Structures are given as C-alpha cells and as structure tokens.
Amino acid sequence: MSFDHATLELLRQNHPAWRLLRADHAALIASFLHRVFVVPNLRAVAQADLAEALEDELFALRERLGPEAYPKPALHYLDDWAAPDKGWLRKFYRQGTDEPQFDLTPSTEKAIAWLGTLGERSFVGTESRLLTLFELLRQISQGTETDPQTRLAELHSRRDEIDAQIASVLSGEASVLDDTAVRDRFQQFLQLARELLSDFREVEHNLRQLDRRVRERIALWQGGKGALVEDIIGERDAIADSDQGRSFRAFWGFLMSSRRQEEFSALLEHTLSLPAVEALKPEGRLRRVHYDWLEAGEHTQRTVAELSRQLRRFLDDQAWLENRRIMDIPHSIEARALALRDSALPDTVMQIADPASDIELPMERPLHAPALRPRIVAEVLAAGDDDVDAAALYAQVVVDKARLSRHVRQALQDRAQVTLCELVRQQPLQQGLAELVAYLQLGDDTFKVAVDESVDERVDWQGVGADGQACLRQARLPRVIFVR
C-alpha cells in the first residue's frame, strides 16, 4: 500500500477500521465486540442475544458514568453499527430463519487487534521471531533449489546436526530451553494463533463478496445460461487457484488430519503444563484453539457451498422459464386462431417460401421394425379366505437415536474426539446397517460430526444371512469423527 497523502486521506474517510477508531463511542464498540465475538470466537450471534448482552453492558456503564452516558437503546446502537456508512457489523439472515444475525467485519477485527498492540508489554521477545525468519528463508531456499548436489549437501548437514544432538542426549548433556526462551516462543505462538483466526474471517469475507457478485449478475443477466455459468465458474476457479485459495486448501487439509490434530493437542497440553507458561496465565480457551480454527474453516466452506447452491437455483429457474416459453408458443397460436375464426379472411392468409423438393437418399431410410405385441393372460382373481399373518407389517426396525447420542457423549467425556469405528468396537451394532446409517445422522449442541475423505475405515457387525444363519457383514466408508 502506498503511504502518500491522498491514499491515507481516502482511507481516513472511507475505511471502516479508521472510522471505528475516530468514533465517539470507540471504547464501547471495541470493548463490547471484543468480549462478545473475538474472545469466544463466535461467527454469528442472533439479534435478540446480542441486544440483550449490549443492554446489560449499557446498564452497567450508566450506573457508573451516569444516565446520560449512552441514552439510546441497544438495538438502535446495533443497527447504527451495521449501517453501510459504518460497516463495523454485518447484519444478515441465515438460511431457514427470519431472525437477523450479526457478525464482525474483517475491518473491525483489524481495528480491535491493532488496539491490542497499544498496551505496554512487560516482555518483548525477539529471539523466536528471528528464528522464525531464518526458518522461513531456509524453507524458501530449500524448496526452490533445483541442484541435487546442493540439496543433498543441505540434508547431510541437517543429519549431522541431528546426530550431534542425539549424541549429546545419550551423553547426558542435552540442552533445554530456559524460562525466557519458553515465554518468548509461547508469545509468538499466541500472536500467530490470533492472527490466524482473523485471517479466516477475511477469507470468508472475500468469498462472501464473490457470492454477492454472483447474485447480482444472476439478477441482471439477460443472455444465455452457458455464458453466465462459464463466467461464474471462471471467477470462482480464479479465487480457488489464487495464492490465498491454495494456501487455504493446504491449511484445511492439514487441519482435517486426525493424526495432526492429536499431535497438536499433545504438544499444546505439554506446553501449557510448563511452569514458565503457567506463570503467564494463558486463557483456558487456548487448549482448544485448533477446534476454533476448524469451526472458522467450516464457516468458510459453507460460504463456498452457497455459491454452488446459487448457481444450481439459477439453472433450475432458467430451465423452468424455457419450458414455460415452449408451452406459451402453441397457446398463443391457439388464441390467435380462435380470434380469427369469426372474422373475414384477408386476401393473403399465409406466406410461404418458394417450394422445393425434398430429397431422400435410399440409405437414409430406416429399416422395418415389427411392432411388439404384448401377450395378455386373462386370469380372474378369486377372493380367498386364507389367514395371513400381519405381524410382519409391524415388525419394522426402529433405531433409538437417543441411545446412540448418549453413547457418543459418554465416549467424548474423557477425550476431545472419537471415530465411528471406535464407537462400534466399544458398543457393537445391534440393528445392522440401519443403526450404522443412524450414526451418520447424529449431531446436537454437545458434539459435531466431521468426515475425513482421505482415510477409509471398515465397520463389522453380526448379521443374519438368507439361510437364517449368523454371518459377518462389513461396510467400508470414509472416517467419521465425532468432535466435542
């Protein structure tokens, strides 16, 4: 970005983050939005819940500052903050609900993050940042090196360093990080973790802008379907193939790996148990920061899915309009014919082009195909008096989903996530495939379901064969993970 006077003046007048810092109630806006959205990592809050929380905040401030401090009602402040000339909140409606929802805009989160850097820090770490810079430069250099000898020399050098560290550990002279180095690296981790959550909101905002442009183009489009679909798909592919899109796909694939999640959880638990880190008193929510990343990534994925739904709805509407036009053509011909039925015929009723002969080549004529004659057997159905056991009509399989949900919640009491294969091993399937399908439909406020398409798992259960004998049945499906 250019730091000339004209650019900065334009930002001062139009950028929402700068307008927030200049607002009269900036302290109220930043503190309230940070407490409601940033700290718990919420992506959408209903209008009633947000207005109630703001009303409590205003009541506490009026008690301390006087009744004239913030005289307006909470809902008025929320609508003002979501106005286009402010742009600090995004007001929208979720699919299937008529209650407004609110979410932070990326500009507001940037302003709040910048305010967090203004406070004095008792400890400013520089070693971890320098090591991070060196490591990034080393990755760039090694990743772009095309000479095999140079890459081999670098790998041998790293192997020698690892061998020296192994020898040092075996001799009992292993070096460990002191408390200062631990605090330095932990603060760097906290900063990167917060910035990553902010980046998710900005990625989602960019995809939402694409969704808005798609809706506007569909509403104003007058051409054919093919040209619009090609245009929209091209723009979506351009975003997906951009540096931001490729980086997000790589991050999402890394985050969806259960092995990586378990490794990250173990490293995080070990780090938070260190005395030097406990002295810093980190937030308790930090233990599940990777699940916050996962939830933020799901919001971004849902925005991408909304693009596909918009395109599908447009194609369905266009097909319906074209079919209607085809039916309107013969209806209009019939209406004109009825209008001319009782009127005198003009001199010229119809004009046709000059007559021409139709030429049919012998090889273009189809061969004779005899018509199929159905054989109908005339049988008279006689009413019988046999007794039929109707118990089979009532012996239907009913799966108790509440029992399955209790089993999942019990398994998640002592762990952060559990796979479907582990649940079945703990409590085998009693109703076969119907119970397995019921597991895939579960989901409530206490746990969520994620699917890892890269790993397949096999689920076994005891069934009954056609001969009535017990047999082993198997099903192979992608790994299903229940996350607390």
Protein backbone atom coordinates (compact mmCIF):
# COMPACT_ATOMS: atom_id res chain seq x y z
CA MET A 1 0.00 0.00 0.00
CA SER A 2 1.22 3.50 -0.84
CA PHE A 3 1.64 5.86 2.13
CA ASP A 4 1.15 9.07 0.19
CA HIS A 5 -1.16 11.79 1.50
CA ALA A 6 -4.00 11.13 -0.97
CA THR A 7 -4.17 7.39 -0.19
CA LEU A 8 -4.14 7.90 3.58
CA GLU A 9 -6.78 10.63 3.36
CA LEU A 10 -9.01 8.32 1.32
CA LEU A 11 -8.57 5.57 3.93
CA ARG A 12 -9.34 8.00 6.75
CA GLN A 13 -12.64 8.93 5.14
CA ASN A 14 -13.79 5.51 3.87
CA HIS A 15 -12.12 2.62 5.69
CA PRO A 16 -14.37 1.13 8.43
CA ALA A 17 -11.43 0.41 10.77
CA TRP A 18 -10.27 4.03 10.69
CA ARG A 19 -13.85 5.24 11.18
CA LEU A 20 -14.14 2.99 14.24
CA LEU A 21 -11.03 4.49 15.81
CA ARG A 22 -12.41 8.00 15.20
CA ALA A 23 -15.90 7.22 16.56
CA ASP A 24 -17.17 8.94 19.71
CA HIS A 25 -18.11 5.60 21.29
CA ALA A 26 -15.00 3.73 20.12
CA ALA A 27 -14.27 2.43 23.63
CA LEU A 28 -17.76 0.93 23.97
CA ILE A 29 -17.74 -0.55 20.46
CA ALA A 30 -14.29 -2.12 20.66
CA SER A 31 -14.65 -3.49 24.21
CA PHE A 32 -18.14 -4.93 23.66
CA LEU A 33 -17.41 -6.51 20.26
CA HIS A 34 -14.12 -7.94 21.53
CA ARG A 35 -15.84 -9.56 24.50
CA VAL A 36 -18.80 -10.95 22.52
CA PHE A 37 -17.17 -12.02 19.24
CA VAL A 38 -13.37 -12.22 19.46
CA VAL A 39 -12.84 -13.83 22.87
CA PRO A 40 -15.32 -16.76 22.40
CA ASN A 41 -14.58 -16.90 18.61
CA LEU A 42 -18.24 -16.54 17.56
CA ARG A 43 -19.08 -16.11 13.89
CA ALA A 44 -22.78 -15.27 14.21
CA VAL A 45 -24.94 -14.04 17.12
CA ALA A 46 -28.73 -13.67 16.98
CA GLN A 47 -30.10 -10.16 17.25
CA ALA A 48 -32.03 -10.87 20.46
CA ASP A 49 -28.99 -12.34 22.24
CA LEU A 50 -26.67 -9.57 21.09
CA ALA A 51 -29.14 -6.82 22.03
CA GLU A 52 -29.60 -8.35 25.48
CA ALA A 53 -25.83 -8.51 26.06
CA LEU A 54 -25.40 -4.90 24.91
CA GLU A 55 -28.30 -3.76 27.12
CA ASP A 56 -26.54 -5.28 30.14
CA GLU A 57 -23.32 -3.53 29.14
CA LEU A 58 -25.09 -0.18 28.76
CA PHE A 59 -26.84 -0.60 32.11
CA ALA A 60 -23.52 -1.18 33.87
CA LEU A 61 -21.96 1.86 32.16
CA ARG A 62 -24.92 4.10 33.04
CA GLU A 63 -24.65 3.03 36.66
CA ARG A 64 -21.01 4.08 36.68
CA LEU A 65 -20.99 7.08 34.31
CA GLY A 66 -24.49 8.46 34.74
CA PRO A 67 -27.80 8.01 32.87
CA GLU A 68 -26.79 10.45 30.11
CA ALA A 69 -23.72 8.42 29.07
CA TYR A 70 -25.41 6.16 26.48
CA PRO A 71 -29.07 7.23 26.22
CA LYS A 72 -30.10 5.19 23.15
CA PRO A 73 -31.48 1.60 23.35
CA ALA A 74 -29.20 -1.31 22.49
CA LEU A 75 -30.98 -2.25 19.26
CA HIS A 76 -30.52 1.29 17.94
CA TYR A 77 -26.76 1.05 18.52
CA LEU A 78 -26.57 -2.33 16.76
CA ASP A 79 -28.44 -1.06 13.69
CA ASP A 80 -26.19 2.01 13.61
CA TRP A 81 -23.00 -0.09 13.80
CA ALA A 82 -24.28 -2.31 10.96
CA ALA A 83 -25.22 0.64 8.71
CA PRO A 84 -23.37 0.85 5.35
CA ASP A 85 -21.72 4.14 6.32
CA LYS A 86 -20.23 2.46 9.43
CA GLY A 87 -19.54 -1.14 8.37
CA TRP A 88 -18.47 -2.42 11.81
CA LEU A 89 -21.02 -5.26 11.95
CA ARG A 90 -22.51 -7.45 9.24
CA LYS A 91 -26.27 -7.94 9.55
CA PHE A 92 -27.66 -10.91 7.64
CA TYR A 93 -30.24 -13.70 7.73
CA ARG A 94 -29.35 -17.36 7.98
CA GLN A 95 -30.93 -19.93 5.71
CA GLY A 96 -34.29 -21.01 7.11
CA THR A 97 -34.67 -18.31 9.78
CA ASP A 98 -36.21 -14.85 9.85
CA GLU A 99 -34.24 -13.52 12.84
CA PRO A 100 -31.35 -11.19 11.97
CA GLN A 101 -27.83 -12.36 12.75
CA PHE A 102 -24.74 -10.22 13.43
CA ASP A 103 -21.07 -10.88 12.78
CA LEU A 104 -17.86 -8.85 12.88
CA THR A 105 -16.42 -7.46 9.67
CA PRO A 106 -12.71 -8.01 8.92
CA SER A 107 -12.06 -4.27 9.25
CA THR A 108 -13.47 -4.21 12.79
CA GLU A 109 -11.34 -7.16 13.82
CA LYS A 110 -8.26 -5.43 12.40
CA ALA A 111 -9.02 -2.31 14.44
CA ILE A 112 -9.53 -4.35 17.62
CA ALA A 113 -6.29 -6.26 17.01
CA TRP A 114 -4.39 -3.00 16.49
CA LEU A 115 -5.78 -1.61 19.75
CA GLY A 116 -4.43 -4.69 21.49
CA THR A 117 -0.89 -3.77 20.39
CA LEU A 118 -1.01 -0.33 22.04
CA GLY A 119 -0.61 -1.60 25.60
CA GLU A 120 2.81 -1.80 27.16
CA ARG A 121 4.33 -5.28 27.21
CA SER A 122 6.43 -6.37 30.15
CA PHE A 123 8.30 -8.83 27.94
CA VAL A 124 9.11 -8.32 24.26
CA GLY A 125 10.57 -11.44 22.69
CA THR A 126 12.84 -11.14 19.66
CA GLU A 127 14.72 -14.45 19.54
CA SER A 128 11.71 -16.53 18.41
CA ARG A 129 10.87 -14.07 15.65
CA LEU A 130 14.45 -14.13 14.36
CA LEU A 131 14.45 -17.93 14.40
CA THR A 132 11.11 -17.93 12.56
CA LEU A 133 12.54 -15.62 9.89
CA PHE A 134 15.58 -17.83 9.45
CA GLU A 135 13.39 -20.94 9.21
CA LEU A 136 11.14 -19.31 6.57
CA LEU A 137 14.13 -18.27 4.49
CA ARG A 138 15.59 -21.78 4.81
CA GLN A 139 12.30 -23.33 3.62
CA ILE A 140 12.13 -20.95 0.65
CA SER A 141 15.74 -21.65 -0.30
CA GLN A 142 15.43 -25.43 0.03
CA GLY A 143 12.03 -25.56 -1.66
CA THR A 144 13.24 -23.69 -4.75
CA GLU A 145 16.68 -25.33 -5.08
CA THR A 146 16.93 -27.40 -8.28
CA ASP A 147 20.53 -28.61 -7.96
CA PRO A 148 20.50 -32.15 -6.46
CA GLN A 149 24.03 -31.82 -5.07
CA THR A 150 23.18 -28.65 -3.18
CA ARG A 151 20.03 -30.22 -1.70
CA LEU A 152 21.96 -33.35 -0.71
CA ALA A 153 24.64 -31.25 0.97
CA GLU A 154 21.99 -29.39 2.95
CA LEU A 155 20.28 -32.65 4.00
CA HIS A 156 23.63 -34.15 5.09
CA SER A 157 24.33 -31.03 7.12
CA ARG A 158 20.98 -31.32 8.88
CA ARG A 159 21.60 -35.02 9.50
CA ASP A 160 24.97 -34.22 11.11
CA GLU A 161 23.27 -31.70 13.40
CA ILE A 162 20.65 -34.29 14.42
CA ASP A 163 23.37 -36.89 15.04
CA ALA A 164 25.22 -34.41 17.23
CA GLN A 165 22.03 -33.74 19.23
CA ILE A 166 21.43 -37.49 19.64
CA ALA A 167 24.99 -37.98 20.88
CA SER A 168 24.54 -35.09 23.31
CA VAL A 169 21.35 -36.61 24.73
CA LEU A 170 22.95 -40.02 25.06
CA SER A 171 25.87 -38.50 26.97
CA GLY A 172 23.50 -36.71 29.37
CA GLU A 173 24.43 -33.21 28.19
CA ALA A 174 21.16 -32.31 26.44
CA SER A 175 20.42 -28.58 26.45
CA VAL A 176 16.91 -27.38 27.31
CA LEU A 177 15.22 -24.04 26.85
CA ASP A 178 15.28 -21.67 29.79
CA ASP A 179 12.15 -19.90 31.03
CA THR A 180 12.89 -16.76 29.00
CA ALA A 181 13.15 -18.71 25.74
CA VAL A 182 9.94 -20.61 26.54
CA ARG A 183 7.99 -17.39 27.22
CA ASP A 184 9.42 -15.82 24.06
CA ARG A 185 8.27 -18.68 21.83
CA PHE A 186 4.91 -19.00 23.59
CA GLN A 187 4.09 -15.33 23.00
CA GLN A 188 4.98 -15.79 19.34
CA PHE A 189 2.59 -18.77 19.24
CA LEU A 190 -0.22 -16.72 20.82
CA GLN A 191 0.20 -13.92 18.28
CA LEU A 192 0.17 -16.27 15.29
CA ALA A 193 -2.87 -18.17 16.65
CA ARG A 194 -4.89 -14.93 17.00
CA GLU A 195 -3.82 -13.69 13.56
CA LEU A 196 -4.88 -16.99 12.02
CA LEU A 197 -8.44 -16.61 13.35
CA SER A 198 -8.56 -13.07 11.94
CA ASP A 199 -7.35 -14.34 8.57
CA PHE A 200 -10.23 -16.83 8.47
CA ARG A 201 -12.74 -14.00 8.80
CA GLU A 202 -11.07 -12.11 5.95
CA VAL A 203 -11.02 -15.18 3.68
CA GLU A 204 -14.73 -15.72 4.41
CA HIS A 205 -15.38 -12.03 3.64
CA ASN A 206 -13.67 -12.33 0.24
CA LEU A 207 -15.72 -15.41 -0.65
CA ARG A 208 -18.88 -13.64 0.52
CA GLN A 209 -18.09 -10.74 -1.82
CA LEU A 210 -17.84 -13.24 -4.67
CA ASP A 211 -21.23 -14.69 -3.65
CA ARG A 212 -22.75 -11.20 -3.70
CA ARG A 213 -21.37 -10.50 -7.18
CA VAL A 214 -22.79 -13.82 -8.39
CA ARG A 215 -26.24 -12.95 -7.03
CA GLU A 216 -26.16 -9.51 -8.68
CA ARG A 217 -25.04 -10.94 -12.00
CA ILE A 218 -27.78 -13.59 -11.95
CA ALA A 219 -30.43 -10.98 -11.15
CA LEU A 220 -29.37 -8.72 -14.05
CA TRP A 221 -28.38 -11.37 -16.59
CA GLN A 222 -30.20 -11.29 -19.92
CA GLY A 223 -28.12 -13.72 -22.01
CA GLY A 224 -27.90 -17.48 -22.20
CA LYS A 225 -27.15 -19.90 -19.40
CA GLY A 226 -23.88 -21.16 -20.81
CA ALA A 227 -22.15 -17.79 -20.91
CA LEU A 228 -23.13 -16.91 -17.33
CA VAL A 229 -22.16 -20.32 -15.92
CA GLU A 230 -18.79 -20.14 -17.68
CA ASP A 231 -18.21 -16.63 -16.33
CA ILE A 232 -19.11 -17.57 -12.73
CA ILE A 233 -17.13 -20.81 -12.72
CA GLY A 234 -14.13 -18.98 -14.18
CA GLU A 235 -14.21 -16.37 -11.44
CA ARG A 236 -14.60 -19.00 -8.70
CA ASP A 237 -11.70 -21.02 -10.15
CA ALA A 238 -9.60 -17.86 -10.25
CA ILE A 239 -10.13 -17.38 -6.48
CA ALA A 240 -9.58 -21.08 -5.73
CA ASP A 241 -6.32 -21.10 -7.76
CA SER A 242 -5.04 -17.85 -6.26
CA ASP A 243 -2.32 -17.81 -3.61
CA GLN A 244 -4.95 -17.26 -0.91
CA GLY A 245 -7.12 -20.13 -2.14
CA ARG A 246 -4.24 -22.60 -2.46
CA SER A 247 -2.91 -21.69 0.97
CA PHE A 248 -6.38 -22.20 2.50
CA ARG A 249 -6.78 -25.62 0.84
CA ALA A 250 -3.37 -26.72 2.14
CA PHE A 251 -4.22 -25.47 5.63
CA TRP A 252 -7.63 -27.18 5.61
CA GLY A 253 -6.12 -30.50 4.51
CA PHE A 254 -3.53 -30.26 7.29
CA LEU A 255 -6.17 -29.39 9.88
CA MET A 256 -8.56 -32.21 8.89
CA SER A 257 -5.93 -34.88 9.56
CA SER A 258 -6.81 -36.65 12.81
CA ARG A 259 -3.17 -37.60 13.35
CA ARG A 260 -2.12 -33.95 13.10
CA GLN A 261 -4.90 -32.93 15.49
CA GLU A 262 -3.82 -35.47 18.08
CA GLU A 263 -0.18 -34.41 17.72
CA PHE A 264 -1.10 -30.74 18.05
CA SER A 265 -3.24 -31.44 21.13
CA ALA A 266 -0.42 -33.37 22.80
CA LEU A 267 2.14 -30.64 22.08
CA LEU A 268 -0.23 -27.94 23.30
CA GLU A 269 -1.02 -29.78 26.54
CA HIS A 270 2.70 -30.29 27.22
CA THR A 271 3.47 -26.62 26.54
CA LEU A 272 0.66 -25.32 28.77
CA SER A 273 1.86 -27.54 31.62
CA LEU A 274 5.31 -25.92 31.71
CA PRO A 275 5.89 -23.70 34.78
CA ALA A 276 7.14 -20.78 32.66
CA VAL A 277 3.92 -20.86 30.59
CA GLU A 278 1.64 -21.33 33.61
CA ALA A 279 3.17 -18.18 35.11
CA LEU A 280 1.84 -16.21 32.13
CA LYS A 281 -1.73 -17.40 32.99
CA PRO A 282 -2.92 -18.08 29.42
CA GLU A 283 -6.63 -18.24 28.59
CA GLY A 284 -8.35 -21.55 29.17
CA ARG A 285 -9.82 -21.44 25.65
CA LEU A 286 -6.30 -21.74 24.26
CA ARG A 287 -6.44 -25.52 24.86
CA ARG A 288 -8.96 -25.86 22.02
CA VAL A 289 -7.64 -23.21 19.64
CA HIS A 290 -7.30 -25.79 16.85
CA TYR A 291 -11.02 -26.57 17.20
CA ASP A 292 -11.69 -22.82 16.84
CA TRP A 293 -9.70 -22.94 13.61
CA LEU A 294 -11.78 -25.92 12.49
CA GLU A 295 -15.06 -24.12 13.25
CA ALA A 296 -13.90 -20.97 11.44
CA GLY A 297 -12.87 -23.08 8.44
CA GLU A 298 -16.32 -24.70 8.34
CA HIS A 299 -17.89 -21.24 8.01
CA THR A 300 -15.63 -20.58 5.03
CA GLN A 301 -16.52 -23.92 3.47
CA ARG A 302 -20.24 -23.18 3.89
CA THR A 303 -19.76 -19.88 2.05
CA VAL A 304 -18.21 -21.79 -0.87
CA ALA A 305 -21.15 -24.22 -0.82
CA GLU A 306 -23.56 -21.27 -1.00
CA LEU A 307 -22.03 -20.34 -4.38
CA SER A 308 -22.91 -23.78 -5.75
CA ARG A 309 -26.48 -23.50 -4.41
CA GLN A 310 -26.94 -20.11 -6.06
CA LEU A 311 -25.74 -21.47 -9.40
CA ARG A 312 -27.99 -24.54 -9.10
CA ARG A 313 -31.02 -22.36 -8.31
CA PHE A 314 -30.30 -20.16 -11.34
CA LEU A 315 -30.10 -23.17 -13.67
CA ASP A 316 -33.38 -24.59 -12.32
CA ASP A 317 -35.16 -21.24 -12.77
CA GLN A 318 -33.85 -20.86 -16.31
CA ALA A 319 -34.98 -24.38 -17.25
CA TRP A 320 -38.47 -23.66 -15.87
CA LEU A 321 -38.72 -20.39 -17.82
CA GLU A 322 -37.63 -22.05 -21.06
CA ASN A 323 -40.19 -24.85 -20.64
CA ARG A 324 -42.89 -22.29 -19.94
CA ARG A 325 -41.99 -20.35 -23.09
CA ILE A 326 -42.24 -23.56 -25.16
CA MET A 327 -45.79 -24.08 -23.86
CA ASP A 328 -46.71 -20.42 -24.41
CA ILE A 329 -45.97 -20.66 -28.15
CA PRO A 330 -48.75 -23.20 -29.05
CA HIS A 331 -51.12 -21.44 -26.63
CA SER A 332 -50.60 -18.14 -28.45
CA ILE A 333 -51.24 -19.86 -31.81
CA GLU A 334 -54.50 -21.32 -30.50
CA ALA A 335 -55.60 -17.93 -29.13
CA ARG A 336 -54.96 -16.22 -32.47
CA ALA A 337 -56.78 -18.97 -34.36
CA LEU A 338 -59.85 -18.56 -32.13
CA ALA A 339 -59.74 -14.78 -32.61
CA LEU A 340 -59.77 -15.16 -36.42
CA ARG A 341 -62.45 -17.86 -36.53
CA ASP A 342 -65.43 -15.49 -37.00
CA SER A 343 -63.68 -12.76 -38.99
CA ALA A 344 -63.48 -12.48 -42.75
CA LEU A 345 -60.39 -13.96 -44.34
CA PRO A 346 -57.99 -11.44 -45.86
CA ASP A 347 -56.68 -11.77 -49.38
CA THR A 348 -53.39 -13.16 -48.09
CA VAL A 349 -53.79 -15.74 -45.34
CA MET A 350 -50.25 -17.10 -45.14
CA GLN A 351 -47.00 -16.65 -46.96
CA ILE A 352 -44.58 -19.49 -47.50
CA ALA A 353 -41.22 -19.66 -49.15
CA ASP A 354 -40.72 -20.96 -52.65
CA PRO A 355 -41.48 -24.70 -52.82
CA ALA A 356 -38.53 -27.05 -53.06
CA SER A 357 -38.24 -30.81 -53.47
CA ASP A 358 -37.23 -32.98 -50.55
CA ILE A 359 -34.51 -35.43 -51.47
CA GLU A 360 -34.24 -38.66 -49.51
CA LEU A 361 -31.35 -40.99 -50.23
CA PRO A 362 -32.01 -44.74 -50.13
CA MET A 363 -29.53 -45.35 -47.31
CA GLU A 364 -31.22 -42.72 -45.14
CA ARG A 365 -34.45 -44.72 -44.88
CA PRO A 366 -34.72 -46.75 -41.68
CA LEU A 367 -35.22 -50.50 -41.80
CA HIS A 368 -38.57 -52.03 -40.97
CA ALA A 369 -39.06 -52.87 -37.32
CA PRO A 370 -42.04 -55.11 -36.46
CA ALA A 371 -44.25 -53.84 -33.69
CA LEU A 372 -44.17 -55.72 -30.40
CA ARG A 373 -47.45 -57.35 -29.48
CA PRO A 374 -47.88 -57.82 -25.74
CA ARG A 375 -49.25 -61.14 -24.52
CA ILE A 376 -52.07 -60.63 -22.04
CA VAL A 377 -53.18 -63.56 -19.97
CA ALA A 378 -56.78 -63.24 -18.83
CA GLU A 379 -56.96 -64.53 -15.29
CA VAL A 380 -59.77 -63.95 -12.85
CA LEU A 381 -58.68 -63.08 -9.30
CA ALA A 382 -60.66 -65.08 -6.79
CA ALA A 383 -61.12 -63.88 -3.24
CA GLY A 384 -59.59 -66.32 -0.76
CA ASP A 385 -60.24 -66.99 2.88
CA ASP A 386 -56.65 -67.83 3.92
CA ASP A 387 -55.44 -66.32 7.17
CA VAL A 388 -52.40 -64.11 6.64
CA ASP A 389 -50.11 -63.20 9.50
CA ALA A 390 -49.96 -59.39 9.55
CA ALA A 391 -47.23 -59.29 12.20
CA ALA A 392 -44.61 -58.60 9.50
CA LEU A 393 -46.20 -55.21 8.85
CA TYR A 394 -45.42 -54.14 12.41
CA ALA A 395 -42.01 -55.79 12.79
CA GLN A 396 -40.16 -52.79 11.40
CA VAL A 397 -36.68 -51.75 12.52
CA VAL A 398 -36.68 -48.59 14.65
CA VAL A 399 -33.27 -47.24 15.71
CA ASP A 400 -33.12 -45.38 19.03
CA LYS A 401 -31.05 -42.31 18.11
CA ALA A 402 -31.18 -41.03 21.70
CA ARG A 403 -29.30 -44.16 22.82
CA LEU A 404 -26.65 -43.62 20.13
CA SER A 405 -26.27 -39.94 21.13
CA ARG A 406 -25.75 -40.93 24.76
CA HIS A 407 -23.08 -43.39 23.70
CA VAL A 408 -21.26 -40.67 21.73
CA ARG A 409 -21.44 -38.18 24.61
CA GLN A 410 -20.13 -40.76 27.08
CA ALA A 411 -17.19 -41.52 24.77
CA LEU A 412 -16.38 -37.79 24.47
CA GLN A 413 -16.30 -37.21 28.23
CA ASP A 414 -12.62 -38.17 28.52
CA ARG A 415 -11.38 -37.26 25.05
CA ALA A 416 -11.75 -34.47 22.51
CA GLN A 417 -12.83 -36.65 19.57
CA VAL A 418 -13.71 -40.25 18.75
CA THR A 419 -14.18 -42.08 15.46
CA LEU A 420 -17.21 -44.11 14.41
CA CYS A 421 -15.08 -47.25 14.18
CA GLU A 422 -14.03 -46.86 17.84
CA LEU A 423 -17.66 -46.37 18.92
CA VAL A 424 -18.74 -49.54 17.15
CA ARG A 425 -15.91 -51.52 18.75
CA GLN A 426 -16.98 -50.27 22.20
CA GLN A 427 -20.67 -50.97 21.56
CA PRO A 428 -21.28 -53.32 18.59
CA LEU A 429 -24.14 -52.66 16.20
CA GLN A 430 -27.36 -54.35 17.27
CA GLN A 431 -29.56 -53.43 14.30
CA GLY A 432 -27.04 -53.71 11.48
CA LEU A 433 -26.90 -51.25 8.62
CA ALA A 434 -29.88 -49.21 9.88
CA GLU A 435 -28.04 -48.41 13.12
CA LEU A 436 -24.85 -47.53 11.16
CA VAL A 437 -26.79 -45.06 9.00
CA ALA A 438 -28.37 -43.57 12.14
CA TYR A 439 -24.88 -42.80 13.48
CA LEU A 440 -24.21 -40.73 10.35
CA GLN A 441 -27.33 -38.63 11.04
CA LEU A 442 -26.41 -37.70 14.61
CA GLY A 443 -25.47 -34.21 15.77
CA ASP A 444 -26.53 -31.91 18.59
CA ASP A 445 -25.26 -28.99 20.66
CA THR A 446 -22.64 -31.07 22.50
CA PHE A 447 -20.77 -32.59 19.57
CA LYS A 448 -20.28 -32.22 15.84
CA VAL A 449 -19.57 -34.69 13.05
CA ALA A 450 -16.63 -34.33 10.63
CA VAL A 451 -15.69 -36.62 7.73
CA ASP A 452 -12.10 -37.30 6.63
CA GLU A 453 -12.37 -38.37 2.98
CA SER A 454 -8.67 -39.29 2.76
CA VAL A 455 -8.91 -42.27 5.16
CA ASP A 456 -11.24 -45.29 4.78
CA GLU A 457 -12.35 -47.43 7.72
CA ARG A 458 -14.10 -50.79 7.93
CA VAL A 459 -17.06 -51.42 10.23
CA ASP A 460 -18.03 -55.03 11.09
CA TRP A 461 -21.21 -56.42 12.68
CA GLN A 462 -23.04 -59.70 13.08
CA GLY A 463 -25.98 -60.21 10.74
CA VAL A 464 -28.34 -62.94 9.55
CA GLY A 465 -27.90 -64.45 6.10
CA ALA A 466 -30.52 -65.64 3.64
CA ASP A 467 -30.34 -69.15 5.15
CA GLY A 468 -31.09 -67.78 8.63
CA GLN A 469 -27.55 -68.45 9.88
CA ALA A 470 -25.37 -65.80 11.57
CA CYS A 471 -22.79 -64.19 9.32
CA LEU A 472 -20.26 -61.35 9.46
CA ARG A 473 -21.15 -58.23 7.48
CA GLN A 474 -18.78 -55.39 6.65
CA ALA A 475 -19.10 -51.80 5.42
CA ARG A 476 -16.30 -49.57 4.18
CA LEU A 477 -16.77 -45.80 4.48
CA PRO A 478 -14.64 -42.64 4.99
CA ARG A 479 -13.51 -41.95 8.53
CA VAL A 480 -16.31 -40.31 10.56
CA ILE A 481 -15.10 -38.25 13.53
CA PHE A 482 -17.30 -37.02 16.40
CA VAL A 483 -15.77 -33.83 17.85
CA ARG A 484 -16.68 -32.37 21.22
